[in-house]
Amino acid sequence: MTTTTPPVTLDDVRDAAARLKGVAHRTPVLRSRTLDALVGAEVFLKCENFQRVGAFKFRGAYNAASRLTPDQLARGIAAYSSGNHAQAVALAARELGTTAVIVMPEDAPRSKRDATAGYGAEIVTYDRYTGDRVAIAEALAAERGLALIPPYEHPHVIAGQGTAALELLEETGELDALLTPVGGGGLMAGSSTAAKGQYPDIRTIGVEPEAGDDTKRSLEAGRRIGIPVPKTIADGQALHTPGELTFSVNRRLLDEVVLVSDDEIRDAMRFAFERLKIVVEPSGATPLAALLSGRVSRLPRRVGVIVSGGNVDADRFARLCAGGE
């Protein structure tokens, strides 16, 4: 009988946590009696909008970058991202004394592009609807001799992202369910590894925007399914197919995926601002949207939520909360 070793284990997540100690923030876990009453459960919000660069992505980027050899660091790092991973790699590179070149879509939110440049990275843009960001980044890395750190297709990135769930569970103890946004699948894969590695019966629930349901379709089909690049306010989840490595983890550990509309995401952003006094970007608000809209069936008693980020500029935040784009 043969067994397959998983690409990421609970020990890998714990090792990443040790590497990130004193570098990444240990973000707060918020509670709200109003939220508990509305959804009929005890909800624990792991607020990665308070993480460095404003999102969970710094965890995985630093964990991967800090493992590069001195020679690799001397030559620099390449990455591709719609925004949060871009900032995370740029900051990780600066922390480690190296340079970064980031491939970003032309329509990435200006606040994310400006922040990436502010950390010292060089930005190369492309059209997300016609260009292949992976091919562009791989060509750049090969041409310049750079180490490529992808946003989710890397075991060290996945392990780093899982430290958010690890910290949440250290604070709350056993939970009945864990809700996490799903884009490329790295946060979900790392979170599921951390959660089910400790509590095998925990129910792991991914949340996608309705227009970007590639992971839900893929799980139902039992293989990776591609869709047209979705148009959604959740720009961090505007992907056309799950990652190969992340899907290999999520097809084993992810129990279900629920979908939320852009309007439900807007409502969740408003709720977070008005009742929790926090700013959450659209992708980060999707799990909260799933709870508030009743999209999760048979909601158990104790529920954890990864609020993945808060990178949205003031003007766009105001437009979104008012019902616009």
Protein backbone atom coordinates (compact mmCIF):
# COMPACT_ATOMS: atom_id res chain seq x y z
CA MET A 1 0.00 0.00 0.00
CA THR A 2 1.41 3.39 -0.98
CA THR A 3 0.73 6.68 0.71
CA THR A 4 1.14 10.17 -0.68
CA THR A 5 2.93 12.71 1.47
CA PRO A 6 0.93 15.98 1.53
CA PRO A 7 2.79 19.00 0.15
CA VAL A 8 2.20 20.92 3.40
CA THR A 9 1.80 19.54 6.91
CA LEU A 10 0.87 20.94 10.31
CA ASP A 11 4.56 20.79 11.23
CA ASP A 12 5.34 22.98 8.19
CA VAL A 13 2.81 25.55 9.40
CA ARG A 14 4.28 25.48 12.89
CA ASP A 15 7.77 25.91 11.44
CA ALA A 16 6.54 28.90 9.45
CA ALA A 17 5.04 30.38 12.62
CA ALA A 18 8.42 30.17 14.35
CA ARG A 19 10.08 31.88 11.38
CA LEU A 20 7.47 34.66 11.35
CA LYS A 21 7.62 35.33 15.09
CA GLY A 22 8.64 38.93 15.67
CA VAL A 23 8.37 39.72 11.94
CA ALA A 24 4.67 39.31 11.12
CA HIS A 25 2.02 40.78 13.39
CA ARG A 26 -0.03 38.49 15.60
CA THR A 27 -3.34 39.95 14.49
CA PRO A 28 -6.32 40.42 16.82
CA VAL A 29 -9.38 38.19 17.10
CA LEU A 30 -12.54 40.29 17.35
CA ARG A 31 -15.97 39.38 18.73
CA SER A 32 -19.33 41.09 18.28
CA ARG A 33 -22.51 40.34 20.24
CA THR A 34 -24.50 41.92 17.43
CA LEU A 35 -22.92 39.62 14.86
CA ASP A 36 -23.44 36.57 17.07
CA ALA A 37 -27.11 37.43 17.47
CA LEU A 38 -27.62 38.03 13.75
CA VAL A 39 -26.12 34.73 12.64
CA GLY A 40 -26.99 32.55 15.65
CA ALA A 41 -23.46 31.46 16.49
CA GLU A 42 -20.33 32.51 18.36
CA VAL A 43 -18.14 34.12 15.70
CA PHE A 44 -14.40 34.74 16.05
CA LEU A 45 -12.92 37.11 13.45
CA LYS A 46 -9.19 36.75 12.76
CA CYS A 47 -8.42 40.24 11.48
CA GLU A 48 -5.65 40.00 8.92
CA ASN A 49 -6.52 43.52 7.79
CA PHE A 50 -4.21 44.46 10.69
CA GLN A 51 -1.34 42.39 9.28
CA ARG A 52 1.73 44.05 7.75
CA VAL A 53 0.84 45.28 4.22
CA GLY A 54 -2.80 45.07 5.33
CA ALA A 55 -3.35 41.42 4.42
CA PHE A 56 -2.45 37.83 5.28
CA LYS A 57 -0.17 37.61 2.23
CA PHE A 58 2.88 38.83 4.15
CA ARG A 59 2.93 35.55 6.08
CA GLY A 60 3.49 33.36 3.04
CA ALA A 61 5.70 35.80 1.15
CA TYR A 62 8.12 36.23 4.03
CA ASN A 63 8.18 32.54 4.91
CA ALA A 64 9.17 31.70 1.32
CA ALA A 65 11.56 34.60 0.76
CA SER A 66 13.42 34.07 4.04
CA ARG A 67 14.36 30.55 2.90
CA LEU A 68 16.16 31.72 -0.25
CA THR A 69 19.93 31.26 -0.39
CA PRO A 70 22.26 34.25 -0.06
CA ASP A 71 22.99 33.98 -3.79
CA GLN A 72 19.28 34.03 -4.66
CA LEU A 73 18.69 37.01 -2.39
CA ALA A 74 21.58 38.86 -4.01
CA ARG A 75 19.94 38.47 -7.44
CA GLY A 76 16.44 39.44 -6.34
CA ILE A 77 12.86 38.19 -6.32
CA ALA A 78 10.04 38.15 -8.89
CA ALA A 79 6.33 37.73 -8.25
CA TYR A 80 2.92 38.20 -9.88
CA SER A 81 -0.17 39.46 -8.08
CA SER A 82 -3.33 41.53 -8.27
CA GLY A 83 -2.15 43.50 -5.26
CA ASN A 84 -1.74 42.00 -1.80
CA HIS A 85 0.92 39.42 -2.65
CA ALA A 86 2.67 42.16 -4.62
CA GLN A 87 2.95 44.32 -1.52
CA ALA A 88 3.90 41.34 0.61
CA VAL A 89 6.80 40.26 -1.61
CA ALA A 90 7.96 43.86 -1.98
CA LEU A 91 8.06 44.28 1.82
CA ALA A 92 9.64 40.86 2.39
CA ALA A 93 12.35 41.73 -0.15
CA ARG A 94 13.02 45.03 1.61
CA GLU A 95 13.17 43.32 5.01
CA LEU A 96 15.68 40.81 3.64
CA GLY A 97 17.82 43.42 1.90
CA THR A 98 17.03 42.47 -1.68
CA THR A 99 14.98 43.78 -4.63
CA ALA A 100 11.67 42.73 -6.15
CA VAL A 101 10.05 42.91 -9.59
CA ILE A 102 6.27 42.47 -9.50
CA VAL A 103 3.93 41.71 -12.43
CA MET A 104 0.57 43.39 -11.74
CA PRO A 105 -2.61 43.84 -13.81
CA GLU A 106 -3.15 47.29 -15.31
CA ASP A 107 -6.47 47.60 -13.48
CA ALA A 108 -5.13 46.67 -10.03
CA PRO A 109 -6.40 49.14 -7.42
CA ARG A 110 -4.14 52.20 -7.42
CA SER A 111 -3.69 51.99 -3.65
CA LYS A 112 -2.17 48.51 -4.03
CA ARG A 113 0.10 49.57 -6.89
CA ASP A 114 1.27 52.66 -5.01
CA ALA A 115 1.95 50.66 -1.86
CA THR A 116 3.93 48.05 -3.81
CA ALA A 117 6.07 50.76 -5.38
CA GLY A 118 6.41 52.43 -1.99
CA TYR A 119 8.11 49.31 -0.63
CA GLY A 120 10.69 49.72 -3.38
CA ALA A 121 9.53 47.18 -5.96
CA GLU A 122 9.67 47.58 -9.73
CA ILE A 123 6.21 47.08 -11.28
CA VAL A 124 5.55 45.51 -14.69
CA THR A 125 1.91 45.73 -15.80
CA TYR A 126 -0.23 43.53 -18.07
CA ASP A 127 -3.86 43.18 -19.21
CA ARG A 128 -5.48 40.59 -16.92
CA TYR A 129 -8.08 39.70 -19.58
CA THR A 130 -5.62 39.00 -22.39
CA GLY A 131 -2.20 38.49 -20.80
CA ASP A 132 -0.72 35.48 -19.01
CA ARG A 133 0.78 36.77 -15.79
CA VAL A 134 2.53 33.51 -14.98
CA ALA A 135 4.26 33.38 -18.36
CA ILE A 136 5.27 37.04 -18.09
CA ALA A 137 6.71 36.59 -14.59
CA GLU A 138 8.49 33.36 -15.48
CA ALA A 139 10.10 35.01 -18.52
CA LEU A 140 11.23 37.97 -16.41
CA ALA A 141 12.64 35.69 -13.73
CA ALA A 142 14.54 33.62 -16.28
CA GLU A 143 15.88 36.68 -18.10
CA ARG A 144 17.11 38.39 -14.93
CA GLY A 145 17.99 35.36 -12.83
CA LEU A 146 15.38 36.13 -10.18
CA ALA A 147 13.80 33.75 -7.66
CA LEU A 148 10.08 33.52 -8.42
CA ILE A 149 7.68 33.46 -5.46
CA PRO A 150 4.14 32.77 -6.71
CA PRO A 151 1.11 33.98 -4.75
CA TYR A 152 -0.10 30.50 -3.81
CA GLU A 153 1.56 27.71 -5.83
CA HIS A 154 4.39 27.14 -3.37
CA PRO A 155 4.51 24.95 -0.22
CA HIS A 156 6.31 27.61 1.85
CA VAL A 157 3.73 30.22 0.82
CA ILE A 158 0.88 27.88 1.76
CA ALA A 159 2.49 27.03 5.10
CA GLY A 160 2.97 30.71 5.87
CA GLN A 161 -0.66 31.52 5.13
CA GLY A 162 -1.75 28.71 7.45
CA THR A 163 -0.21 30.50 10.42
CA ALA A 164 -3.26 32.82 10.54
CA ALA A 165 -5.53 29.87 11.33
CA LEU A 166 -2.92 28.43 13.68
CA GLU A 167 -2.93 31.65 15.72
CA LEU A 168 -6.72 31.83 15.67
CA LEU A 169 -7.06 28.33 17.09
CA GLU A 170 -4.37 28.98 19.71
CA GLU A 171 -6.56 31.80 20.99
CA THR A 172 -10.03 30.25 20.65
CA GLY A 173 -9.42 26.56 21.19
CA GLU A 174 -11.45 24.08 19.18
CA LEU A 175 -13.92 25.53 16.69
CA ASP A 176 -16.77 23.81 14.88
CA ALA A 177 -16.19 25.54 11.54
CA LEU A 178 -13.68 27.80 9.79
CA LEU A 179 -14.65 30.18 6.97
CA THR A 180 -11.95 31.45 4.65
CA PRO A 181 -11.94 33.37 1.35
CA VAL A 182 -10.85 31.32 -1.66
CA GLY A 183 -8.94 32.85 -4.56
CA GLY A 184 -5.97 30.85 -5.77
CA GLY A 185 -6.48 28.64 -2.73
CA GLY A 186 -3.30 29.23 -0.72
CA LEU A 187 -4.96 30.70 2.36
CA MET A 188 -7.61 27.98 2.31
CA ALA A 189 -5.04 25.20 1.87
CA GLY A 190 -2.84 26.51 4.67
CA SER A 191 -5.78 27.19 6.97
CA SER A 192 -7.30 23.75 6.39
CA THR A 193 -3.93 22.11 7.02
CA ALA A 194 -3.55 23.98 10.31
CA ALA A 195 -7.16 23.44 11.40
CA LYS A 196 -7.74 19.82 10.46
CA GLY A 197 -4.25 18.88 11.58
CA GLN A 198 -5.37 19.74 15.12
CA TYR A 199 -9.12 19.20 14.95
CA PRO A 200 -10.00 16.66 12.24
CA ASP A 201 -13.75 17.20 12.66
CA ILE A 202 -13.69 20.96 12.07
CA ARG A 203 -15.84 21.97 9.09
CA THR A 204 -13.81 23.97 6.57
CA ILE A 205 -15.82 26.32 4.37
CA GLY A 206 -14.43 28.33 1.49
CA VAL A 207 -16.17 31.44 0.18
CA GLU A 208 -16.02 32.72 -3.40
CA PRO A 209 -17.79 35.54 -5.26
CA GLU A 210 -20.59 34.27 -7.47
CA ALA A 211 -18.81 35.37 -10.63
CA GLY A 212 -15.60 33.57 -9.62
CA ASP A 213 -16.74 30.07 -8.65
CA ASP A 214 -13.81 28.15 -10.14
CA THR A 215 -12.97 26.30 -6.92
CA LYS A 216 -16.59 25.29 -6.28
CA ARG A 217 -16.90 23.97 -9.83
CA SER A 218 -13.57 22.20 -9.55
CA LEU A 219 -14.49 20.44 -6.31
CA GLU A 220 -17.78 19.31 -7.81
CA ALA A 221 -16.02 17.99 -10.92
CA GLY A 222 -13.13 16.41 -9.03
CA ARG A 223 -10.61 18.23 -11.22
CA ARG A 224 -9.49 21.80 -11.87
CA ILE A 225 -12.02 23.73 -13.93
CA GLY A 226 -11.25 26.99 -15.72
CA ILE A 227 -13.72 29.84 -16.15
CA PRO A 228 -13.44 33.21 -17.92
CA VAL A 229 -11.65 35.77 -15.76
CA PRO A 230 -14.49 36.94 -13.50
CA LYS A 231 -15.62 40.52 -13.13
CA THR A 232 -16.30 41.09 -9.46
CA ILE A 233 -15.59 43.75 -6.86
CA ALA A 234 -13.55 41.07 -5.05
CA ASP A 235 -10.43 41.73 -7.13
CA GLY A 236 -8.29 39.45 -4.96
CA GLN A 237 -10.50 36.53 -6.03
CA ALA A 238 -10.78 37.40 -9.73
CA LEU A 239 -9.04 34.22 -10.89
CA HIS A 240 -9.99 31.78 -13.62
CA THR A 241 -8.80 28.48 -12.14
CA PRO A 242 -7.56 27.12 -8.80
CA GLY A 243 -3.86 26.51 -8.35
CA GLU A 244 -2.69 22.97 -9.06
CA LEU A 245 -0.83 22.57 -5.77
CA THR A 246 -3.48 24.33 -3.70
CA PHE A 247 -6.28 22.30 -5.29
CA SER A 248 -4.45 19.07 -4.44
CA VAL A 249 -4.71 20.14 -0.79
CA ASN A 250 -8.19 21.64 -0.89
CA ARG A 251 -9.82 18.69 -2.63
CA ARG A 252 -8.79 16.63 0.44
CA LEU A 253 -9.40 19.11 3.23
CA LEU A 254 -12.02 21.63 2.07
CA ASP A 255 -15.52 20.47 3.02
CA GLU A 256 -17.57 22.91 0.96
CA VAL A 257 -17.61 26.21 -0.93
CA VAL A 258 -20.39 28.79 -0.72
CA LEU A 259 -20.91 31.76 -3.04
CA VAL A 260 -21.78 35.37 -2.27
CA SER A 261 -22.94 38.19 -4.52
CA ASP A 262 -21.19 41.51 -4.93
CA ASP A 263 -24.12 43.19 -3.16
CA GLU A 264 -23.74 40.83 -0.20
CA ILE A 265 -20.03 41.66 -0.09
CA ARG A 266 -20.87 45.38 -0.01
CA ASP A 267 -23.31 44.79 2.84
CA ALA A 268 -20.63 42.92 4.80
CA MET A 269 -18.12 45.74 4.26
CA ARG A 270 -20.67 48.24 5.58
CA PHE A 271 -21.45 46.04 8.57
CA ALA A 272 -17.77 45.65 9.42
CA PHE A 273 -17.27 49.42 9.22
CA GLU A 274 -20.41 50.46 11.10
CA ARG A 275 -20.62 47.76 13.78
CA LEU A 276 -17.07 46.40 14.12
CA LYS A 277 -15.28 49.69 13.31
CA ILE A 278 -12.88 48.02 10.86
CA VAL A 279 -12.17 48.51 7.16
CA VAL A 280 -12.28 45.31 5.13
CA GLU A 281 -11.57 44.98 1.40
CA PRO A 282 -14.09 43.11 -0.79
CA SER A 283 -12.22 39.78 -0.88
CA GLY A 284 -11.66 39.91 2.87
CA ALA A 285 -15.36 40.50 3.45
CA THR A 286 -16.61 37.41 1.59
CA PRO A 287 -16.72 35.04 4.62
CA LEU A 288 -18.53 37.66 6.69
CA ALA A 289 -20.92 38.13 3.76
CA ALA A 290 -21.60 34.39 3.73
CA LEU A 291 -22.55 34.48 7.41
CA LEU A 292 -24.69 37.61 7.26
CA SER A 293 -26.58 36.46 4.15
CA GLY A 294 -27.31 33.00 5.53
CA ARG A 295 -25.36 31.25 2.78
CA VAL A 296 -23.92 28.69 5.21
CA SER A 297 -26.39 25.92 5.97
CA ARG A 298 -26.49 24.19 9.36
CA LEU A 299 -24.25 26.81 10.94
CA PRO A 300 -22.58 25.27 14.02
CA ARG A 301 -22.11 26.91 17.42
CA ARG A 302 -18.50 28.19 17.29
CA VAL A 303 -17.25 29.62 14.01
CA GLY A 304 -13.90 31.11 13.03
CA VAL A 305 -13.53 33.57 10.16
CA ILE A 306 -10.35 34.67 8.43
CA VAL A 307 -10.82 38.33 7.47
CA SER A 308 -8.07 38.23 4.88
CA GLY A 309 -7.31 41.91 4.29
CA GLY A 310 -8.25 45.56 4.35
CA ASN A 311 -6.48 47.08 1.36
CA VAL A 312 -9.03 49.37 -0.22
CA ASP A 313 -8.53 53.09 -0.68
CA ALA A 314 -10.95 55.57 0.88
CA ASP A 315 -12.58 56.66 -2.39
CA ARG A 316 -13.28 53.13 -3.59
CA PHE A 317 -14.42 52.06 -0.14
CA ALA A 318 -16.95 54.89 -0.12
CA ARG A 319 -18.15 54.01 -3.64
CA LEU A 320 -18.53 50.33 -2.79
CA CYS A 321 -20.43 51.00 0.41
CA ALA A 322 -22.73 53.30 -1.54
CA GLY A 323 -23.47 50.49 -4.01
CA GLY A 324 -21.02 51.40 -6.76
CA GLU A 325 -17.88 49.84 -8.14
